[in-house]
Amino acid sequence: MLIRALQQGEPNIRGAAADTLGKIGYVPALKPLYLALRDREPAVRDGVFRALENLQMRVGASLPGVF
């Protein structure tokens, strides 16, 4: 449900979904999160960056960088 919200929700919902996915440590969300880095809304991208940071800390390993 959170991944669907990340992909299809309003901007504030997409950002919150990204942030929540990171906080709960849902590793299968990595691909949708990386795709969401292309979102037009800065608030969504900020949520995605926070989520990736949280996931990286939970996994204990560096995630691939973004160019």
PDB file of N, CA and C in Angstrom:
ATOM      1  N   MET A   1       0.810  -1.173   0.000  1.00  0.00           N
ATOM      2  CA  MET A   1       0.000   0.000   0.000  1.00  0.00           C
ATOM      3  C   MET A   1       0.874   1.266   0.000  1.00  0.00           C
ATOM      4  N   LEU A   2       1.939   1.250   0.767  1.00  0.00           N
ATOM      5  CA  LEU A   2       2.825   2.415   0.811  1.00  0.00           C
ATOM      6  C   LEU A   2       3.539   2.642  -0.516  1.00  0.00           C
ATOM      7  N   ILE A   3       3.901   1.570  -1.182  1.00  0.00           N
ATOM      8  CA  ILE A   3       4.561   1.723  -2.482  1.00  0.00           C
ATOM      9  C   ILE A   3       3.590   2.308  -3.491  1.00  0.00           C
ATOM     10  N   ARG A   4       2.344   1.880  -3.447  1.00  0.00           N
ATOM     11  CA  ARG A   4       1.340   2.455  -4.340  1.00  0.00           C
ATOM     12  C   ARG A   4       1.154   3.944  -4.045  1.00  0.00           C
ATOM     13  N   ALA A   5       1.138   4.301  -2.765  1.00  0.00           N
ATOM     14  CA  ALA A   5       1.023   5.713  -2.391  1.00  0.00           C
ATOM     15  C   ALA A   5       2.227   6.507  -2.879  1.00  0.00           C
ATOM     16  N   LEU A   6       3.399   5.902  -2.813  1.00  0.00           N
ATOM     17  CA  LEU A   6       4.618   6.546  -3.303  1.00  0.00           C
ATOM     18  C   LEU A   6       4.536   6.801  -4.802  1.00  0.00           C
ATOM     19  N   GLN A   7       3.933   5.904  -5.522  1.00  0.00           N
ATOM     20  CA  GLN A   7       3.881   6.005  -6.970  1.00  0.00           C
ATOM     21  C   GLN A   7       2.697   6.806  -7.489  1.00  0.00           C
ATOM     22  N   GLN A   8       1.578   6.804  -6.782  1.00  0.00           N
ATOM     23  CA  GLN A   8       0.354   7.357  -7.339  1.00  0.00           C
ATOM     24  C   GLN A   8      -0.299   8.459  -6.515  1.00  0.00           C
ATOM     25  N   GLY A   9       0.153   8.700  -5.312  1.00  0.00           N
ATOM     26  CA  GLY A   9      -0.514   9.658  -4.440  1.00  0.00           C
ATOM     27  C   GLY A   9      -0.224  11.105  -4.805  1.00  0.00           C
ATOM     28  N   GLU A  10      -0.893  12.000  -4.091  1.00  0.00           N
ATOM     29  CA  GLU A  10      -0.610  13.427  -4.199  1.00  0.00           C
ATOM     30  C   GLU A  10       0.803  13.667  -3.665  1.00  0.00           C
ATOM     31  N   PRO A  11       1.421  14.798  -4.013  1.00  0.00           N
ATOM     32  CA  PRO A  11       2.817  15.028  -3.595  1.00  0.00           C
ATOM     33  C   PRO A  11       3.074  14.850  -2.097  1.00  0.00           C
ATOM     34  N   ASN A  12       2.191  15.376  -1.250  1.00  0.00           N
ATOM     35  CA  ASN A  12       2.429  15.234   0.195  1.00  0.00           C
ATOM     36  C   ASN A  12       2.314  13.778   0.634  1.00  0.00           C
ATOM     37  N   ILE A  13       1.440  13.018  -0.011  1.00  0.00           N
ATOM     38  CA  ILE A  13       1.289  11.591   0.293  1.00  0.00           C
ATOM     39  C   ILE A  13       2.517  10.822  -0.190  1.00  0.00           C
ATOM     40  N   ARG A  14       3.014  11.154  -1.379  1.00  0.00           N
ATOM     41  CA  ARG A  14       4.205  10.475  -1.907  1.00  0.00           C
ATOM     42  C   ARG A  14       5.401  10.684  -0.988  1.00  0.00           C
ATOM     43  N   GLY A  15       5.598  11.916  -0.529  1.00  0.00           N
ATOM     44  CA  GLY A  15       6.712  12.198   0.373  1.00  0.00           C
ATOM     45  C   GLY A  15       6.587  11.465   1.689  1.00  0.00           C
ATOM     46  N   ALA A  16       5.383  11.447   2.241  1.00  0.00           N
ATOM     47  CA  ALA A  16       5.148  10.755   3.516  1.00  0.00           C
ATOM     48  C   ALA A  16       5.319   9.248   3.354  1.00  0.00           C
ATOM     49  N   ALA A  17       4.865   8.712   2.237  1.00  0.00           N
ATOM     50  CA  ALA A  17       5.016   7.274   1.988  1.00  0.00           C
ATOM     51  C   ALA A  17       6.492   6.906   1.906  1.00  0.00           C
ATOM     52  N   ALA A  18       7.270   7.710   1.204  1.00  0.00           N
ATOM     53  CA  ALA A  18       8.706   7.452   1.097  1.00  0.00           C
ATOM     54  C   ALA A  18       9.347   7.462   2.476  1.00  0.00           C
ATOM     55  N   ASP A  19       9.044   8.484   3.248  1.00  0.00           N
ATOM     56  CA  ASP A  19       9.618   8.612   4.582  1.00  0.00           C
ATOM     57  C   ASP A  19       9.246   7.414   5.454  1.00  0.00           C
ATOM     58  N   THR A  20       8.007   6.983   5.378  1.00  0.00           N
ATOM     59  CA  THR A  20       7.544   5.851   6.176  1.00  0.00           C
ATOM     60  C   THR A  20       8.223   4.556   5.752  1.00  0.00           C
ATOM     61  N   LEU A  21       8.380   4.348   4.454  1.00  0.00           N
ATOM     62  CA  LEU A  21       9.069   3.150   3.974  1.00  0.00           C
ATOM     63  C   LEU A  21      10.483   3.068   4.536  1.00  0.00           C
ATOM     64  N   GLY A  22      11.141   4.199   4.617  1.00  0.00           N
ATOM     65  CA  GLY A  22      12.487   4.211   5.193  1.00  0.00           C
ATOM     66  C   GLY A  22      12.474   3.945   6.679  1.00  0.00           C
ATOM     67  N   LYS A  23      11.513   4.543   7.387  1.00  0.00           N
ATOM     68  CA  LYS A  23      11.450   4.370   8.839  1.00  0.00           C
ATOM     69  C   LYS A  23      11.147   2.938   9.247  1.00  0.00           C
ATOM     70  N   ILE A  24      10.333   2.242   8.462  1.00  0.00           N
ATOM     71  CA  ILE A  24      10.020   0.856   8.813  1.00  0.00           C
ATOM     72  C   ILE A  24      11.064  -0.117   8.256  1.00  0.00           C
ATOM     73  N   GLY A  25      11.998   0.404   7.459  1.00  0.00           N
ATOM     74  CA  GLY A  25      13.086  -0.430   6.950  1.00  0.00           C
ATOM     75  C   GLY A  25      12.657  -1.438   5.909  1.00  0.00           C
ATOM     76  N   TYR A  26      11.735  -1.048   5.056  1.00  0.00           N
ATOM     77  CA  TYR A  26      11.196  -1.963   4.049  1.00  0.00           C
ATOM     78  C   TYR A  26      12.130  -2.014   2.841  1.00  0.00           C
ATOM     79  N   VAL A  27      13.073  -2.937   2.873  1.00  0.00           N
ATOM     80  CA  VAL A  27      14.105  -3.059   1.846  1.00  0.00           C
ATOM     81  C   VAL A  27      13.535  -3.315   0.445  1.00  0.00           C
ATOM     82  N   PRO A  28      12.445  -4.080   0.276  1.00  0.00           N
ATOM     83  CA  PRO A  28      11.904  -4.261  -1.074  1.00  0.00           C
ATOM     84  C   PRO A  28      11.455  -2.956  -1.745  1.00  0.00           C
ATOM     85  N   ALA A  29      11.404  -1.878  -0.999  1.00  0.00           N
ATOM     86  CA  ALA A  29      11.002  -0.589  -1.568  1.00  0.00           C
ATOM     87  C   ALA A  29      12.167   0.140  -2.231  1.00  0.00           C
ATOM     88  N   LEU A  30      13.344  -0.436  -2.229  1.00  0.00           N
ATOM     89  CA  LEU A  30      14.504   0.269  -2.783  1.00  0.00           C
ATOM     90  C   LEU A  30      14.293   0.699  -4.231  1.00  0.00           C
ATOM     91  N   LYS A  31      13.847  -0.213  -5.085  1.00  0.00           N
ATOM     92  CA  LYS A  31      13.675   0.144  -6.497  1.00  0.00           C
ATOM     93  C   LYS A  31      12.644   1.257  -6.671  1.00  0.00           C
ATOM     94  N   PRO A  32      11.453   1.158  -6.083  1.00  0.00           N
ATOM     95  CA  PRO A  32      10.493   2.268  -6.216  1.00  0.00           C
ATOM     96  C   PRO A  32      11.019   3.582  -5.633  1.00  0.00           C
ATOM     97  N   LEU A  33      11.800   3.498  -4.566  1.00  0.00           N
ATOM     98  CA  LEU A  33      12.362   4.720  -3.988  1.00  0.00           C
ATOM     99  C   LEU A  33      13.363   5.362  -4.947  1.00  0.00           C
ATOM    100  N   TYR A  34      14.227   4.550  -5.514  1.00  0.00           N
ATOM    101  CA  TYR A  34      15.182   5.108  -6.476  1.00  0.00           C
ATOM    102  C   TYR A  34      14.456   5.724  -7.671  1.00  0.00           C
ATOM    103  N   LEU A  35      13.395   5.095  -8.133  1.00  0.00           N
ATOM    104  CA  LEU A  35      12.615   5.658  -9.239  1.00  0.00           C
ATOM    105  C   LEU A  35      11.962   6.981  -8.826  1.00  0.00           C
ATOM    106  N   ALA A  36      11.556   7.078  -7.569  1.00  0.00           N
ATOM    107  CA  ALA A  36      10.901   8.292  -7.084  1.00  0.00           C
ATOM    108  C   ALA A  36      11.868   9.473  -6.965  1.00  0.00           C
ATOM    109  N   LEU A  37      13.159   9.223  -7.060  1.00  0.00           N
ATOM    110  CA  LEU A  37      14.116  10.337  -7.046  1.00  0.00           C
ATOM    111  C   LEU A  37      13.933  11.242  -8.262  1.00  0.00           C
ATOM    112  N   ARG A  38      13.221  10.769  -9.263  1.00  0.00           N
ATOM    113  CA  ARG A  38      12.960  11.567 -10.469  1.00  0.00           C
ATOM    114  C   ARG A  38      11.690  12.400 -10.355  1.00  0.00           C
ATOM    115  N   ASP A  39      11.014  12.330  -9.219  1.00  0.00           N
ATOM    116  CA  ASP A  39       9.762  13.067  -9.030  1.00  0.00           C
ATOM    117  C   ASP A  39       9.989  14.556  -9.220  1.00  0.00           C
ATOM    118  N   ARG A  40       8.989  15.227  -9.753  1.00  0.00           N
ATOM    119  CA  ARG A  40       9.096  16.673 -10.009  1.00  0.00           C
ATOM    120  C   ARG A  40       9.036  17.502  -8.734  1.00  0.00           C
ATOM    121  N   GLU A  41       8.430  16.960  -7.699  1.00  0.00           N
ATOM    122  CA  GLU A  41       8.235  17.701  -6.452  1.00  0.00           C
ATOM    123  C   GLU A  41       9.450  17.562  -5.528  1.00  0.00           C
ATOM    124  N   PRO A  42      10.046  18.690  -5.148  1.00  0.00           N
ATOM    125  CA  PRO A  42      11.202  18.627  -4.246  1.00  0.00           C
ATOM    126  C   PRO A  42      10.886  17.952  -2.911  1.00  0.00           C
ATOM    127  N   ALA A  43       9.686  18.154  -2.388  1.00  0.00           N
ATOM    128  CA  ALA A  43       9.329  17.551  -1.100  1.00  0.00           C
ATOM    129  C   ALA A  43       9.316  16.024  -1.194  1.00  0.00           C
ATOM    130  N   VAL A  44       8.910  15.511  -2.330  1.00  0.00           N
ATOM    131  CA  VAL A  44       8.907  14.058  -2.527  1.00  0.00           C
ATOM    132  C   VAL A  44      10.342  13.554  -2.575  1.00  0.00           C
ATOM    133  N   ARG A  45      11.181  14.227  -3.339  1.00  0.00           N
ATOM    134  CA  ARG A  45      12.591  13.812  -3.418  1.00  0.00           C
ATOM    135  C   ARG A  45      13.262  13.880  -2.053  1.00  0.00           C
ATOM    136  N   ASP A  46      12.941  14.894  -1.265  1.00  0.00           N
ATOM    137  CA  ASP A  46      13.500  14.993   0.085  1.00  0.00           C
ATOM    138  C   ASP A  46      13.090  13.793   0.934  1.00  0.00           C
ATOM    139  N   GLY A  47      11.813  13.409   0.838  1.00  0.00           N
ATOM    140  CA  GLY A  47      11.334  12.232   1.572  1.00  0.00           C
ATOM    141  C   GLY A  47      12.045  10.966   1.132  1.00  0.00           C
ATOM    142  N   VAL A  48      12.303  10.867  -0.164  1.00  0.00           N
ATOM    143  CA  VAL A  48      12.999   9.698  -0.700  1.00  0.00           C
ATOM    144  C   VAL A  48      14.443   9.653  -0.182  1.00  0.00           C
ATOM    145  N   PHE A  49      15.115  10.786  -0.184  1.00  0.00           N
ATOM    146  CA  PHE A  49      16.488  10.811   0.331  1.00  0.00           C
ATOM    147  C   PHE A  49      16.526  10.412   1.805  1.00  0.00           C
ATOM    148  N   ARG A  50      15.565  10.895   2.602  1.00  0.00           N
ATOM    149  CA  ARG A  50      15.502  10.501   4.010  1.00  0.00           C
ATOM    150  C   ARG A  50      15.260   9.002   4.135  1.00  0.00           C
ATOM    151  N   ALA A  51      14.370   8.489   3.297  1.00  0.00           N
ATOM    152  CA  ALA A  51      14.068   7.054   3.332  1.00  0.00           C
ATOM    153  C   ALA A  51      15.301   6.232   2.999  1.00  0.00           C
ATOM    154  N   LEU A  52      16.019   6.626   1.957  1.00  0.00           N
ATOM    155  CA  LEU A  52      17.225   5.891   1.580  1.00  0.00           C
ATOM    156  C   LEU A  52      18.278   5.956   2.675  1.00  0.00           C
ATOM    157  N   GLU A  53      18.375   7.099   3.315  1.00  0.00           N
ATOM    158  CA  GLU A  53      19.323   7.227   4.430  1.00  0.00           C
ATOM    159  C   GLU A  53      18.933   6.279   5.567  1.00  0.00           C
ATOM    160  N   ASN A  54      17.649   6.243   5.907  1.00  0.00           N
ATOM    161  CA  ASN A  54      17.186   5.346   6.971  1.00  0.00           C
ATOM    162  C   ASN A  54      17.413   3.887   6.605  1.00  0.00           C
ATOM    163  N   LEU A  55      17.113   3.524   5.378  1.00  0.00           N
ATOM    164  CA  LEU A  55      17.324   2.142   4.951  1.00  0.00           C
ATOM    165  C   LEU A  55      18.798   1.769   4.991  1.00  0.00           C
ATOM    166  N   GLN A  56      19.640   2.675   4.581  1.00  0.00           N
ATOM    167  CA  GLN A  56      21.084   2.419   4.603  1.00  0.00           C
ATOM    168  C   GLN A  56      21.553   2.157   6.030  1.00  0.00           C
ATOM    169  N   MET A  57      21.052   2.931   6.963  1.00  0.00           N
ATOM    170  CA  MET A  57      21.441   2.739   8.362  1.00  0.00           C
ATOM    171  C   MET A  57      20.920   1.405   8.900  1.00  0.00           C
ATOM    172  N   ARG A  58      19.706   1.040   8.527  1.00  0.00           N
ATOM    173  CA  ARG A  58      19.128  -0.220   9.012  1.00  0.00           C
ATOM    174  C   ARG A  58      19.854  -1.437   8.433  1.00  0.00           C
ATOM    175  N   VAL A  59      20.212  -1.345   7.152  1.00  0.00           N
ATOM    176  CA  VAL A  59      20.884  -2.456   6.488  1.00  0.00           C
ATOM    177  C   VAL A  59      22.335  -2.558   6.970  1.00  0.00           C
ATOM    178  N   GLY A  60      22.914  -1.432   7.316  1.00  0.00           N
ATOM    179  CA  GLY A  60      24.297  -1.425   7.771  1.00  0.00           C
ATOM    180  C   GLY A  60      25.315  -1.486   6.649  1.00  0.00           C
ATOM    181  N   ALA A  61      24.875  -1.119   5.460  1.00  0.00           N
ATOM    182  CA  ALA A  61      25.765  -1.110   4.297  1.00  0.00           C
ATOM    183  C   ALA A  61      25.407   0.073   3.419  1.00  0.00           C
ATOM    184  N   SER A  62      26.372   0.530   2.655  1.00  0.00           N
ATOM    185  CA  SER A  62      26.138   1.639   1.759  1.00  0.00           C
ATOM    186  C   SER A  62      25.246   1.194   0.593  1.00  0.00           C
ATOM    187  N   LEU A  63      24.324   2.071   0.229  1.00  0.00           N
ATOM    188  CA  LEU A  63      23.489   1.833  -0.933  1.00  0.00           C
ATOM    189  C   LEU A  63      24.148   2.483  -2.136  1.00  0.00           C
ATOM    190  N   PRO A  64      23.806   2.040  -3.337  1.00  0.00           N
ATOM    191  CA  PRO A  64      24.386   2.673  -4.540  1.00  0.00           C
ATOM    192  C   PRO A  64      24.099   4.161  -4.580  1.00  0.00           C
ATOM    193  N   GLY A  65      25.076   4.928  -5.015  1.00  0.00           N
ATOM    194  CA  GLY A  65      24.934   6.365  -5.124  1.00  0.00           C
ATOM    195  C   GLY A  65      24.084   6.750  -6.334  1.00  0.00           C
ATOM    196  N   VAL A  66      23.680   7.994  -6.334  1.00  0.00           N
ATOM    197  CA  VAL A  66      22.851   8.525  -7.418  1.00  0.00           C
ATOM    198  C   VAL A  66      23.660   9.589  -8.130  1.00  0.00           C
ATOM    199  N   PHE A  67      23.681   9.504  -9.460  1.00  0.00           N
ATOM    200  CA  PHE A  67      24.424  10.485 -10.257  1.00  0.00           C
ATOM    201  C   PHE A  67      23.475  11.362 -10.999  1.00  0.00           C
TER     202      PHE A  67
END
